[in-house]
Every structure is written in C-alpha cells, then in structure tokens.
Amino acid sequence: MAHHRPPDTGGDASDAAAIVRSRREPAAFAEIFHRHFAAIHGYAARRLGVDAADDIAAETFLAAFRKRGRFDPARGTVRPWLYGIATRLIGLHRRAEGRRYRALARTPAERFQDGHEDVVTARVTAGDAGADLADALARLPRGDRDVLLLVALADLSYEEVGQALGLKTGTVGSRLNRARRRLRESLGGTNPALIVEETPA
C-alpha cells in the first residue's frame, strides 16, 4: 500500500525559521522541541522501549540544539534531520534493540494483539506472526533495519530517509527492498503487514 504524506510546507518553513531564529535567540528552539518531541519519543519507544526513549529523545534534542548552526534552512524540513539524529543515537544501543526484538520473539502470540506497543506499531505487527516478525527484525543488518523502520514508524518518504541517514534515494530503495525480501524469507514467504509498500517520489 502506498503511503504518501502531503507536504507540510507551512510547517517546514516555520521549523526552518525557528532554527535560524534560535541561533540568535536560543529560547526559540523550544518551538522545535514542542512540535516534534512526541513523534521522536514515540519512534524511539517503539525501537528501544519507553524507558530508553526518554533518554534518546532528550539526547536527540540536545544534539539538535548544539548542531543548530549546521542546519541548512534551504532543506526546509526539520523532521528528517531530527530522525537522523535519533536513529544514530539508537544505533549506539543496537545491542539493546537486538535483545528487545529477541525478547519480543519469545512473547506468546496473543500478547501481540490490538497493536501491542512493544511490537513495531500496527504497521509492523503481522497478526499472529508478531513473534516471528520480531525475530526477523533482530536479524536484519542495522542499516537495512534503520531504513525500514524510518519508513514504517516515522512515515518518512524515500527522500526524507535519505536526508536522515545521508543516503542517496536509490540506496534507500535498495535497502528497503532487501529488508522486505529478508523479512518475507524469514517469515516463510508471508508478506507481513509491516512491509510498507511505497514507490520513490
């Protein structure tokens, strides 16, 4: 299923303006925090759990504040930049993430019903294949898993994932296709509901 989020050019412009203004008036960065904290926290929580997400989200915005002078306002959108910072911080916890998915894989299938927040959101939950899916996610190379989860959890486009991770759009597409293929193979050919079908913009 294609998922195309309409561009929010107004929000992008005001985010970029807030970053620029915060270089002179640091307090202006609070606008970025208030607009995006919940989304970044949710993304981190689904990857590492709520406890770790508190630290990851806080560290993401602290890093963004420190690096705000390097943000290019011509990029417009701040979301991929923030998700990129969060993903790199999550990468420092990759062992914890692997343990998390392996633990989820041992969780009885009935625990995965109703979009259980410990599975990778409703998109990533494949009904009673939830445990198998968690195990398959744990086996993915980190780079492929980052691309897959930025699409599935953060609803980023190929271009935005590329911005977040410093990748070309074609590389994003190839990593996503490889991750989908490996998951299908791990699930015995089953196509989990998570595999967000999208074509590059």
N, C-alpha and C. Protein backbone atom coordinates (compact mmCIF):
# COMPACT_ATOMS: atom_id res chain seq x y z
N MET A 1 0.85 -1.18 0.00
CA MET A 1 0.00 0.00 0.00
C MET A 1 0.89 1.23 0.00
N ALA A 2 0.64 2.14 -0.90
CA ALA A 2 1.44 3.36 -0.96
C ALA A 2 1.06 4.28 0.18
N HIS A 3 2.00 4.93 0.73
CA HIS A 3 1.68 5.94 1.75
C HIS A 3 2.42 7.20 1.37
N HIS A 4 1.64 8.20 1.07
CA HIS A 4 2.21 9.47 0.66
C HIS A 4 1.67 10.56 1.57
N ARG A 5 2.54 11.08 2.42
CA ARG A 5 2.13 12.15 3.32
C ARG A 5 2.20 13.46 2.55
N PRO A 6 1.09 14.24 2.54
CA PRO A 6 1.13 15.51 1.82
C PRO A 6 2.17 16.44 2.40
N PRO A 7 2.85 17.17 1.56
CA PRO A 7 3.88 18.08 2.08
C PRO A 7 3.30 19.15 2.98
N ASP A 8 3.98 19.40 4.08
CA ASP A 8 3.53 20.42 5.03
C ASP A 8 4.50 21.59 4.92
N THR A 9 4.38 22.31 3.82
CA THR A 9 5.35 23.35 3.54
C THR A 9 5.30 24.48 4.57
N GLY A 10 4.10 24.74 5.09
CA GLY A 10 4.00 25.79 6.10
C GLY A 10 4.77 25.42 7.35
N GLY A 11 4.57 24.15 7.81
CA GLY A 11 5.29 23.68 8.99
C GLY A 11 6.78 23.64 8.75
N ASP A 12 7.17 23.19 7.56
CA ASP A 12 8.59 23.13 7.23
C ASP A 12 9.22 24.51 7.31
N ALA A 13 8.53 25.49 6.73
CA ALA A 13 9.06 26.85 6.71
C ALA A 13 9.18 27.42 8.11
N SER A 14 8.16 27.18 8.94
CA SER A 14 8.22 27.74 10.29
C SER A 14 9.26 27.02 11.14
N ASP A 15 9.46 25.70 10.88
CA ASP A 15 10.52 24.97 11.59
C ASP A 15 11.88 25.54 11.23
N ALA A 16 12.12 25.72 9.92
CA ALA A 16 13.41 26.25 9.48
C ALA A 16 13.63 27.64 10.05
N ALA A 17 12.56 28.45 10.06
CA ALA A 17 12.67 29.81 10.60
C ALA A 17 12.99 29.77 12.09
N ALA A 18 12.39 28.80 12.82
CA ALA A 18 12.65 28.70 14.25
C ALA A 18 14.10 28.31 14.51
N ILE A 19 14.64 27.42 13.67
CA ILE A 19 16.05 27.02 13.83
C ILE A 19 16.95 28.24 13.62
N VAL A 20 16.69 28.97 12.53
CA VAL A 20 17.51 30.15 12.23
C VAL A 20 17.41 31.17 13.36
N ARG A 21 16.18 31.40 13.84
CA ARG A 21 15.99 32.39 14.90
C ARG A 21 16.69 31.95 16.19
N SER A 22 16.71 30.62 16.42
CA SER A 22 17.31 30.12 17.66
C SER A 22 18.82 30.35 17.73
N ARG A 23 19.42 30.61 16.57
CA ARG A 23 20.86 30.89 16.58
C ARG A 23 21.15 32.22 17.27
N ARG A 24 20.18 33.15 17.18
CA ARG A 24 20.31 34.44 17.86
C ARG A 24 19.61 34.42 19.21
N GLU A 25 18.48 33.71 19.24
CA GLU A 25 17.66 33.63 20.45
C GLU A 25 17.48 32.16 20.80
N PRO A 26 18.37 31.59 21.57
CA PRO A 26 18.32 30.15 21.87
C PRO A 26 16.96 29.65 22.34
N ALA A 27 16.20 30.49 23.04
CA ALA A 27 14.89 30.06 23.54
C ALA A 27 13.92 29.69 22.42
N ALA A 28 14.17 30.21 21.21
CA ALA A 28 13.28 29.91 20.10
C ALA A 28 13.31 28.44 19.72
N PHE A 29 14.36 27.74 20.13
CA PHE A 29 14.46 26.31 19.80
C PHE A 29 13.36 25.51 20.49
N ALA A 30 12.76 26.08 21.53
CA ALA A 30 11.66 25.39 22.22
C ALA A 30 10.52 25.06 21.27
N GLU A 31 10.35 25.87 20.22
CA GLU A 31 9.29 25.58 19.24
C GLU A 31 9.55 24.24 18.57
N ILE A 32 10.80 23.95 18.21
CA ILE A 32 11.15 22.68 17.58
C ILE A 32 10.89 21.54 18.55
N PHE A 33 11.28 21.73 19.78
CA PHE A 33 11.08 20.71 20.81
C PHE A 33 9.59 20.39 20.96
N HIS A 34 8.77 21.41 21.11
CA HIS A 34 7.34 21.19 21.36
C HIS A 34 6.64 20.57 20.15
N ARG A 35 7.07 20.93 18.94
CA ARG A 35 6.41 20.39 17.75
C ARG A 35 6.78 18.94 17.47
N HIS A 36 7.98 18.54 17.82
CA HIS A 36 8.47 17.24 17.36
C HIS A 36 8.84 16.25 18.44
N PHE A 37 8.82 16.66 19.70
CA PHE A 37 9.27 15.75 20.76
C PHE A 37 8.44 14.47 20.81
N ALA A 38 7.13 14.59 20.77
CA ALA A 38 6.27 13.41 20.90
C ALA A 38 6.55 12.38 19.80
N ALA A 39 6.73 12.86 18.56
CA ALA A 39 6.98 11.94 17.46
C ALA A 39 8.33 11.25 17.61
N ILE A 40 9.36 11.99 17.98
CA ILE A 40 10.69 11.41 18.15
C ILE A 40 10.68 10.42 19.32
N HIS A 41 10.02 10.79 20.39
CA HIS A 41 9.92 9.90 21.55
C HIS A 41 9.20 8.61 21.17
N GLY A 42 8.10 8.73 20.42
CA GLY A 42 7.35 7.55 20.00
C GLY A 42 8.18 6.61 19.14
N TYR A 43 8.94 7.20 18.23
CA TYR A 43 9.81 6.40 17.36
C TYR A 43 10.85 5.64 18.19
N ALA A 44 11.49 6.33 19.10
CA ALA A 44 12.49 5.69 19.95
C ALA A 44 11.86 4.63 20.85
N ALA A 45 10.67 4.90 21.35
CA ALA A 45 9.99 3.94 22.24
C ALA A 45 9.68 2.65 21.51
N ARG A 46 9.28 2.76 20.25
CA ARG A 46 8.93 1.55 19.51
C ARG A 46 10.16 0.73 19.13
N ARG A 47 11.31 1.39 19.12
CA ARG A 47 12.53 0.66 18.80
C ARG A 47 13.25 0.14 20.04
N LEU A 48 13.23 0.91 21.13
CA LEU A 48 14.02 0.53 22.30
C LEU A 48 13.21 0.38 23.59
N GLY A 49 11.94 0.78 23.57
CA GLY A 49 11.15 0.75 24.80
C GLY A 49 11.03 2.13 25.41
N VAL A 50 10.01 2.32 26.22
CA VAL A 50 9.69 3.65 26.75
C VAL A 50 10.81 4.21 27.63
N ASP A 51 11.40 3.36 28.47
CA ASP A 51 12.43 3.86 29.38
C ASP A 51 13.61 4.44 28.61
N ALA A 52 14.09 3.70 27.63
CA ALA A 52 15.23 4.18 26.84
C ALA A 52 14.83 5.38 26.00
N ALA A 53 13.56 5.43 25.58
CA ALA A 53 13.10 6.52 24.72
C ALA A 53 13.20 7.87 25.41
N ASP A 54 13.00 7.91 26.70
CA ASP A 54 13.12 9.17 27.43
C ASP A 54 14.51 9.77 27.21
N ASP A 55 15.53 8.91 27.35
CA ASP A 55 16.90 9.39 27.18
C ASP A 55 17.22 9.71 25.73
N ILE A 56 16.79 8.83 24.82
CA ILE A 56 17.08 9.04 23.39
C ILE A 56 16.45 10.34 22.90
N ALA A 57 15.20 10.58 23.26
CA ALA A 57 14.52 11.80 22.80
C ALA A 57 15.20 13.04 23.37
N ALA A 58 15.53 12.99 24.66
CA ALA A 58 16.21 14.14 25.28
C ALA A 58 17.56 14.39 24.62
N GLU A 59 18.31 13.32 24.37
CA GLU A 59 19.62 13.45 23.74
C GLU A 59 19.49 13.96 22.31
N THR A 60 18.43 13.55 21.62
CA THR A 60 18.21 13.99 20.24
C THR A 60 18.07 15.50 20.18
N PHE A 61 17.24 16.04 21.05
CA PHE A 61 17.01 17.49 21.01
C PHE A 61 18.20 18.28 21.56
N LEU A 62 18.92 17.69 22.50
CA LEU A 62 20.13 18.35 22.98
C LEU A 62 21.16 18.42 21.85
N ALA A 63 21.32 17.30 21.12
CA ALA A 63 22.26 17.29 19.99
C ALA A 63 21.81 18.25 18.90
N ALA A 64 20.50 18.27 18.62
CA ALA A 64 19.98 19.18 17.59
C ALA A 64 20.23 20.64 17.98
N PHE A 65 20.03 20.94 19.26
CA PHE A 65 20.27 22.31 19.73
C PHE A 65 21.74 22.69 19.53
N ARG A 66 22.62 21.76 19.89
CA ARG A 66 24.05 22.05 19.77
C ARG A 66 24.47 22.19 18.30
N LYS A 67 23.79 21.45 17.41
CA LYS A 67 24.16 21.44 15.99
C LYS A 67 23.30 22.38 15.14
N ARG A 68 22.47 23.19 15.78
CA ARG A 68 21.52 24.00 15.02
C ARG A 68 22.20 24.95 14.05
N GLY A 69 23.44 25.33 14.35
CA GLY A 69 24.17 26.22 13.45
C GLY A 69 24.52 25.54 12.14
N ARG A 70 24.50 24.21 12.12
CA ARG A 70 24.85 23.47 10.90
C ARG A 70 23.64 23.13 10.06
N PHE A 71 22.44 23.34 10.59
CA PHE A 71 21.23 23.00 9.83
C PHE A 71 21.08 23.98 8.67
N ASP A 72 20.88 23.44 7.49
CA ASP A 72 20.71 24.26 6.29
C ASP A 72 19.23 24.56 6.10
N PRO A 73 18.80 25.80 6.31
CA PRO A 73 17.38 26.13 6.20
C PRO A 73 16.83 25.90 4.79
N ALA A 74 17.71 25.81 3.79
CA ALA A 74 17.25 25.54 2.43
C ALA A 74 16.63 24.14 2.33
N ARG A 75 16.98 23.26 3.28
CA ARG A 75 16.39 21.92 3.29
C ARG A 75 14.91 22.00 3.66
N GLY A 76 14.55 23.07 4.35
CA GLY A 76 13.16 23.27 4.73
C GLY A 76 12.75 22.40 5.90
N THR A 77 12.58 21.12 5.64
CA THR A 77 12.03 20.24 6.66
C THR A 77 13.06 19.86 7.73
N VAL A 78 12.60 19.88 8.96
CA VAL A 78 13.44 19.55 10.11
C VAL A 78 13.28 18.08 10.50
N ARG A 79 12.16 17.48 10.13
CA ARG A 79 11.86 16.10 10.57
C ARG A 79 12.96 15.10 10.23
N PRO A 80 13.40 15.01 8.96
CA PRO A 80 14.42 14.01 8.66
C PRO A 80 15.71 14.24 9.45
N TRP A 81 16.05 15.50 9.66
CA TRP A 81 17.24 15.84 10.44
C TRP A 81 17.13 15.29 11.86
N LEU A 82 15.98 15.51 12.49
CA LEU A 82 15.77 15.02 13.85
C LEU A 82 15.75 13.50 13.90
N TYR A 83 15.05 12.88 12.93
CA TYR A 83 15.00 11.42 12.91
C TYR A 83 16.38 10.83 12.64
N GLY A 84 17.19 11.53 11.85
CA GLY A 84 18.54 11.06 11.60
C GLY A 84 19.37 11.06 12.87
N ILE A 85 19.25 12.13 13.65
CA ILE A 85 19.98 12.21 14.93
C ILE A 85 19.50 11.09 15.85
N ALA A 86 18.17 10.92 15.95
CA ALA A 86 17.62 9.88 16.82
C ALA A 86 18.08 8.49 16.39
N THR A 87 18.09 8.25 15.09
CA THR A 87 18.49 6.93 14.58
C THR A 87 19.96 6.64 14.89
N ARG A 88 20.80 7.67 14.76
CA ARG A 88 22.21 7.47 15.10
C ARG A 88 22.38 7.18 16.59
N LEU A 89 21.61 7.84 17.43
CA LEU A 89 21.67 7.57 18.87
C LEU A 89 21.16 6.16 19.18
N ILE A 90 20.10 5.76 18.51
CA ILE A 90 19.57 4.40 18.69
C ILE A 90 20.63 3.39 18.27
N GLY A 91 21.41 3.74 17.23
CA GLY A 91 22.48 2.85 16.78
C GLY A 91 23.49 2.55 17.87
N LEU A 92 23.68 3.48 18.78
CA LEU A 92 24.59 3.25 19.90
C LEU A 92 24.03 2.21 20.86
N HIS A 93 22.72 1.95 20.72
CA HIS A 93 22.05 0.98 21.59
C HIS A 93 21.64 -0.26 20.79
N ARG A 94 22.35 -0.53 19.66
CA ARG A 94 21.91 -1.60 18.77
C ARG A 94 21.84 -2.96 19.46
N ARG A 95 22.72 -3.18 20.43
CA ARG A 95 22.65 -4.46 21.14
C ARG A 95 21.36 -4.55 21.95
N ALA A 96 21.00 -3.43 22.57
CA ALA A 96 19.75 -3.40 23.35
C ALA A 96 18.56 -3.61 22.43
N GLU A 97 18.61 -3.01 21.23
CA GLU A 97 17.50 -3.19 20.30
C GLU A 97 17.40 -4.64 19.86
N GLY A 98 18.54 -5.26 19.57
CA GLY A 98 18.53 -6.67 19.19
C GLY A 98 17.95 -7.54 20.30
N ARG A 99 18.37 -7.26 21.54
CA ARG A 99 17.83 -8.02 22.68
C ARG A 99 16.33 -7.81 22.80
N ARG A 100 15.88 -6.59 22.53
CA ARG A 100 14.45 -6.27 22.63
C ARG A 100 13.65 -7.10 21.65
N TYR A 101 14.09 -7.14 20.40
CA TYR A 101 13.37 -7.91 19.39
C TYR A 101 13.42 -9.40 19.69
N ARG A 102 14.57 -9.88 20.19
CA ARG A 102 14.64 -11.30 20.51
C ARG A 102 13.71 -11.64 21.68
N ALA A 103 13.59 -10.71 22.64
CA ALA A 103 12.66 -10.93 23.75
C ALA A 103 11.22 -10.93 23.24
N LEU A 104 10.91 -10.01 22.33
CA LEU A 104 9.57 -9.97 21.76
C LEU A 104 9.27 -11.26 21.00
N ALA A 105 10.29 -11.81 20.36
CA ALA A 105 10.09 -13.05 19.60
C ALA A 105 9.71 -14.21 20.50
N ARG A 106 10.08 -14.10 21.78
CA ARG A 106 9.71 -15.17 22.73
C ARG A 106 8.37 -14.91 23.40
N THR A 107 7.76 -13.76 23.09
CA THR A 107 6.48 -13.40 23.70
C THR A 107 5.36 -14.17 23.03
N PRO A 108 4.44 -14.77 23.79
CA PRO A 108 3.32 -15.50 23.19
C PRO A 108 2.56 -14.65 22.19
N ALA A 109 2.07 -15.27 21.13
CA ALA A 109 1.41 -14.54 20.04
C ALA A 109 0.24 -13.70 20.53
N GLU A 110 -0.50 -14.21 21.51
CA GLU A 110 -1.68 -13.45 21.94
C GLU A 110 -1.32 -12.09 22.53
N ARG A 111 -0.09 -11.95 23.00
CA ARG A 111 0.34 -10.67 23.56
C ARG A 111 0.48 -9.60 22.50
N PHE A 112 0.48 -9.99 21.21
CA PHE A 112 0.72 -9.04 20.14
C PHE A 112 -0.58 -8.45 19.59
N GLN A 113 -1.70 -8.83 20.14
CA GLN A 113 -2.96 -8.35 19.60
C GLN A 113 -3.18 -6.88 19.93
N ASP A 114 -4.10 -6.27 19.17
CA ASP A 114 -4.51 -4.89 19.41
C ASP A 114 -3.37 -3.89 19.33
N GLY A 115 -2.46 -4.13 18.40
CA GLY A 115 -1.39 -3.16 18.16
C GLY A 115 -0.50 -2.98 19.38
N HIS A 116 -0.18 -4.09 20.06
CA HIS A 116 0.69 -4.05 21.24
C HIS A 116 1.86 -3.11 21.00
N GLU A 117 2.04 -2.14 21.87
CA GLU A 117 3.02 -1.09 21.60
C GLU A 117 4.45 -1.61 21.57
N ASP A 118 4.68 -2.79 22.14
CA ASP A 118 6.03 -3.32 22.12
C ASP A 118 6.40 -3.95 20.78
N VAL A 119 5.42 -4.18 19.93
CA VAL A 119 5.75 -4.62 18.58
C VAL A 119 5.85 -3.33 17.78
N VAL A 120 6.40 -3.39 16.63
CA VAL A 120 6.77 -2.17 15.94
C VAL A 120 5.57 -1.52 15.29
N THR A 121 4.61 -1.06 16.06
CA THR A 121 3.37 -0.40 15.66
C THR A 121 2.50 -1.31 14.82
N ALA A 122 1.28 -0.85 14.55
CA ALA A 122 0.33 -1.66 13.79
C ALA A 122 0.87 -2.04 12.43
N ARG A 123 1.67 -1.16 11.82
CA ARG A 123 2.23 -1.47 10.50
C ARG A 123 3.19 -2.64 10.58
N VAL A 124 3.89 -2.74 11.71
CA VAL A 124 4.90 -3.76 11.83
C VAL A 124 4.32 -5.04 12.41
N THR A 125 3.14 -4.96 12.99
CA THR A 125 2.52 -6.13 13.56
C THR A 125 1.87 -6.94 12.45
N ALA A 126 2.17 -8.20 12.40
CA ALA A 126 1.60 -9.06 11.35
C ALA A 126 0.71 -10.10 11.99
N GLY A 127 -0.22 -9.67 12.82
CA GLY A 127 -1.15 -10.59 13.45
C GLY A 127 -0.40 -11.61 14.29
N ASP A 128 -0.70 -12.91 14.05
CA ASP A 128 -0.06 -13.93 14.87
C ASP A 128 1.37 -14.22 14.42
N ALA A 129 1.86 -13.47 13.42
CA ALA A 129 3.27 -13.61 13.02
C ALA A 129 4.15 -12.64 13.79
N GLY A 130 3.58 -11.97 14.82
CA GLY A 130 4.33 -10.95 15.52
C GLY A 130 5.66 -11.42 16.08
N ALA A 131 5.68 -12.61 16.72
CA ALA A 131 6.92 -13.10 17.30
C ALA A 131 7.95 -13.40 16.22
N ASP A 132 7.50 -14.04 15.14
CA ASP A 132 8.41 -14.34 14.04
C ASP A 132 8.96 -13.06 13.43
N LEU A 133 8.09 -12.06 13.34
CA LEU A 133 8.50 -10.78 12.76
C LEU A 133 9.55 -10.10 13.63
N ALA A 134 9.34 -10.12 14.94
CA ALA A 134 10.32 -9.52 15.84
C ALA A 134 11.67 -10.21 15.70
N ASP A 135 11.65 -11.54 15.57
CA ASP A 135 12.90 -12.28 15.40
C ASP A 135 13.56 -11.89 14.07
N ALA A 136 12.75 -11.75 13.02
CA ALA A 136 13.29 -11.38 11.71
C ALA A 136 13.90 -9.98 11.75
N LEU A 137 13.26 -9.05 12.45
CA LEU A 137 13.80 -7.70 12.58
C LEU A 137 15.14 -7.71 13.31
N ALA A 138 15.26 -8.56 14.32
CA ALA A 138 16.51 -8.65 15.08
C ALA A 138 17.65 -9.12 14.20
N ARG A 139 17.34 -9.89 13.15
CA ARG A 139 18.39 -10.45 12.29
C ARG A 139 18.79 -9.52 11.15
N LEU A 140 18.02 -8.46 10.93
CA LEU A 140 18.36 -7.55 9.83
C LEU A 140 19.64 -6.78 10.13
N PRO A 141 20.46 -6.52 9.12
CA PRO A 141 21.59 -5.61 9.33
C PRO A 141 21.07 -4.24 9.77
N ARG A 142 21.82 -3.57 10.62
CA ARG A 142 21.33 -2.33 11.21
C ARG A 142 20.94 -1.29 10.16
N GLY A 143 21.75 -1.15 9.11
CA GLY A 143 21.44 -0.15 8.09
C GLY A 143 20.12 -0.42 7.40
N ASP A 144 19.85 -1.69 7.11
CA ASP A 144 18.58 -2.05 6.48
C ASP A 144 17.42 -1.83 7.44
N ARG A 145 17.64 -2.20 8.70
CA ARG A 145 16.58 -2.03 9.70
C ARG A 145 16.26 -0.56 9.91
N ASP A 146 17.30 0.30 9.93
CA ASP A 146 17.06 1.74 10.09
C ASP A 146 16.17 2.28 8.98
N VAL A 147 16.49 1.91 7.74
CA VAL A 147 15.70 2.38 6.60
C VAL A 147 14.26 1.89 6.72
N LEU A 148 14.11 0.60 6.97
CA LEU A 148 12.77 0.00 7.07
C LEU A 148 11.94 0.69 8.15
N LEU A 149 12.54 0.91 9.32
CA LEU A 149 11.76 1.46 10.44
C LEU A 149 11.52 2.96 10.31
N LEU A 150 12.38 3.67 9.61
CA LEU A 150 12.09 5.08 9.36
C LEU A 150 10.89 5.22 8.42
N VAL A 151 10.75 4.28 7.49
CA VAL A 151 9.58 4.28 6.61
C VAL A 151 8.34 3.81 7.38
N ALA A 152 8.48 2.70 8.11
CA ALA A 152 7.33 2.09 8.77
C ALA A 152 6.87 2.84 10.00
N LEU A 153 7.80 3.36 10.80
CA LEU A 153 7.44 4.01 12.05
C LEU A 153 7.32 5.52 11.95
N ALA A 154 8.25 6.14 11.22
CA ALA A 154 8.26 7.60 11.14
C ALA A 154 7.50 8.12 9.93
N ASP A 155 7.09 7.22 9.04
CA ASP A 155 6.33 7.60 7.85
C ASP A 155 7.13 8.57 6.97
N LEU A 156 8.44 8.38 6.91
CA LEU A 156 9.26 9.23 6.07
C LEU A 156 9.25 8.71 4.64
N SER A 157 9.35 9.62 3.69
CA SER A 157 9.47 9.25 2.28
C SER A 157 10.89 8.77 2.01
N TYR A 158 11.12 8.19 0.84
CA TYR A 158 12.47 7.75 0.48
C TYR A 158 13.44 8.94 0.57
N GLU A 159 13.02 10.08 0.05
CA GLU A 159 13.89 11.26 0.05
C GLU A 159 14.21 11.69 1.47
N GLU A 160 13.21 11.67 2.35
CA GLU A 160 13.43 12.08 3.75
C GLU A 160 14.34 11.09 4.48
N VAL A 161 14.17 9.79 4.20
CA VAL A 161 15.06 8.80 4.81
C VAL A 161 16.49 9.05 4.34
N GLY A 162 16.64 9.37 3.06
CA GLY A 162 17.96 9.69 2.53
C GLY A 162 18.58 10.88 3.25
N GLN A 163 17.77 11.91 3.49
CA GLN A 163 18.26 13.08 4.22
C GLN A 163 18.64 12.70 5.65
N ALA A 164 17.81 11.87 6.27
CA ALA A 164 18.05 11.50 7.67
C ALA A 164 19.34 10.71 7.84
N LEU A 165 19.62 9.82 6.88
CA LEU A 165 20.75 8.91 7.03
C LEU A 165 21.93 9.26 6.13
N GLY A 166 21.79 10.33 5.33
CA GLY A 166 22.88 10.70 4.45
C GLY A 166 23.07 9.71 3.31
N LEU A 167 21.95 9.20 2.77
CA LEU A 167 21.99 8.21 1.70
C LEU A 167 21.33 8.75 0.44
N LYS A 168 21.71 8.21 -0.70
CA LYS A 168 21.03 8.52 -1.94
C LYS A 168 19.68 7.82 -1.94
N THR A 169 18.71 8.42 -2.66
CA THR A 169 17.37 7.84 -2.69
C THR A 169 17.40 6.41 -3.22
N GLY A 170 18.23 6.16 -4.24
CA GLY A 170 18.33 4.81 -4.79
C GLY A 170 18.83 3.81 -3.75
N THR A 171 19.76 4.24 -2.91
CA THR A 171 20.28 3.37 -1.86
C THR A 171 19.19 3.06 -0.84
N VAL A 172 18.38 4.07 -0.52
CA VAL A 172 17.26 3.85 0.40
C VAL A 172 16.34 2.78 -0.18
N GLY A 173 16.00 2.92 -1.46
CA GLY A 173 15.11 1.95 -2.09
C GLY A 173 15.68 0.55 -2.09
N SER A 174 16.96 0.43 -2.39
CA SER A 174 17.55 -0.91 -2.44
C SER A 174 17.62 -1.54 -1.05
N ARG A 175 17.95 -0.71 -0.04
CA ARG A 175 17.98 -1.26 1.33
C ARG A 175 16.59 -1.69 1.79
N LEU A 176 15.60 -0.87 1.44
CA LEU A 176 14.24 -1.20 1.85
C LEU A 176 13.77 -2.47 1.17
N ASN A 177 14.04 -2.60 -0.12
CA ASN A 177 13.65 -3.82 -0.84
C ASN A 177 14.35 -5.05 -0.28
N ARG A 178 15.63 -4.89 0.06
CA ARG A 178 16.39 -6.02 0.63
C ARG A 178 15.81 -6.40 1.99
N ALA A 179 15.47 -5.40 2.81
CA ALA A 179 14.90 -5.69 4.13
C ALA A 179 13.56 -6.40 3.98
N ARG A 180 12.72 -5.92 3.06
CA ARG A 180 11.43 -6.58 2.83
C ARG A 180 11.63 -8.02 2.39
N ARG A 181 12.58 -8.25 1.48
CA ARG A 181 12.81 -9.60 0.97
C ARG A 181 13.27 -10.52 2.09
N ARG A 182 14.19 -10.02 2.93
CA ARG A 182 14.69 -10.86 4.03
C ARG A 182 13.59 -11.17 5.03
N LEU A 183 12.74 -10.20 5.27
CA LEU A 183 11.64 -10.46 6.21
C LEU A 183 10.70 -11.51 5.63
N ARG A 184 10.38 -11.37 4.35
CA ARG A 184 9.49 -12.37 3.73
C ARG A 184 10.11 -13.76 3.82
N GLU A 185 11.41 -13.86 3.55
CA GLU A 185 12.09 -15.15 3.62
C GLU A 185 12.06 -15.69 5.04
N SER A 186 12.30 -14.82 6.02
CA SER A 186 12.29 -15.25 7.42
C SER A 186 10.91 -15.71 7.86
N LEU A 187 9.88 -15.14 7.23
CA LEU A 187 8.51 -15.49 7.59
C LEU A 187 7.95 -16.56 6.66
N GLY A 188 8.83 -17.25 5.96
CA GLY A 188 8.38 -18.35 5.11
C GLY A 188 7.57 -17.91 3.92
N GLY A 189 7.87 -16.71 3.41
CA GLY A 189 7.16 -16.22 2.24
C GLY A 189 5.95 -15.38 2.57
N THR A 190 5.59 -15.34 3.86
CA THR A 190 4.47 -14.50 4.27
C THR A 190 4.84 -13.04 4.11
N ASN A 191 3.91 -12.25 3.61
CA ASN A 191 4.17 -10.81 3.47
C ASN A 191 3.59 -10.11 4.67
N PRO A 192 4.41 -9.75 5.67
CA PRO A 192 3.87 -9.11 6.87
C PRO A 192 3.24 -7.76 6.55
N ALA A 193 2.26 -7.38 7.32
CA ALA A 193 1.56 -6.11 7.09
C ALA A 193 2.49 -4.93 7.18
N LEU A 194 3.61 -5.13 7.86
CA LEU A 194 4.55 -4.02 8.04
C LEU A 194 5.17 -3.54 6.77
N ILE A 195 5.35 -4.39 5.77
CA ILE A 195 6.19 -4.01 4.66
C ILE A 195 5.49 -2.91 3.90
N VAL A 196 5.72 -1.71 4.33
CA VAL A 196 5.04 -0.55 3.77
C VAL A 196 5.41 -0.42 2.30
N GLU A 197 4.42 -0.59 1.44
CA GLU A 197 4.70 -0.51 0.01
C GLU A 197 4.66 0.94 -0.42
N GLU A 198 5.74 1.39 -0.95
CA GLU A 198 5.83 2.78 -1.38
C GLU A 198 6.75 2.84 -2.58
N THR A 199 6.46 3.72 -3.48
CA THR A 199 7.36 3.93 -4.60
C THR A 199 8.07 5.25 -4.38
N PRO A 200 9.32 5.35 -4.80
CA PRO A 200 10.04 6.59 -4.59
C PRO A 200 9.33 7.77 -5.22
N ALA A 201 9.36 8.93 -4.53
CA ALA A 201 8.73 10.13 -5.06
C ALA A 201 9.54 10.62 -6.23
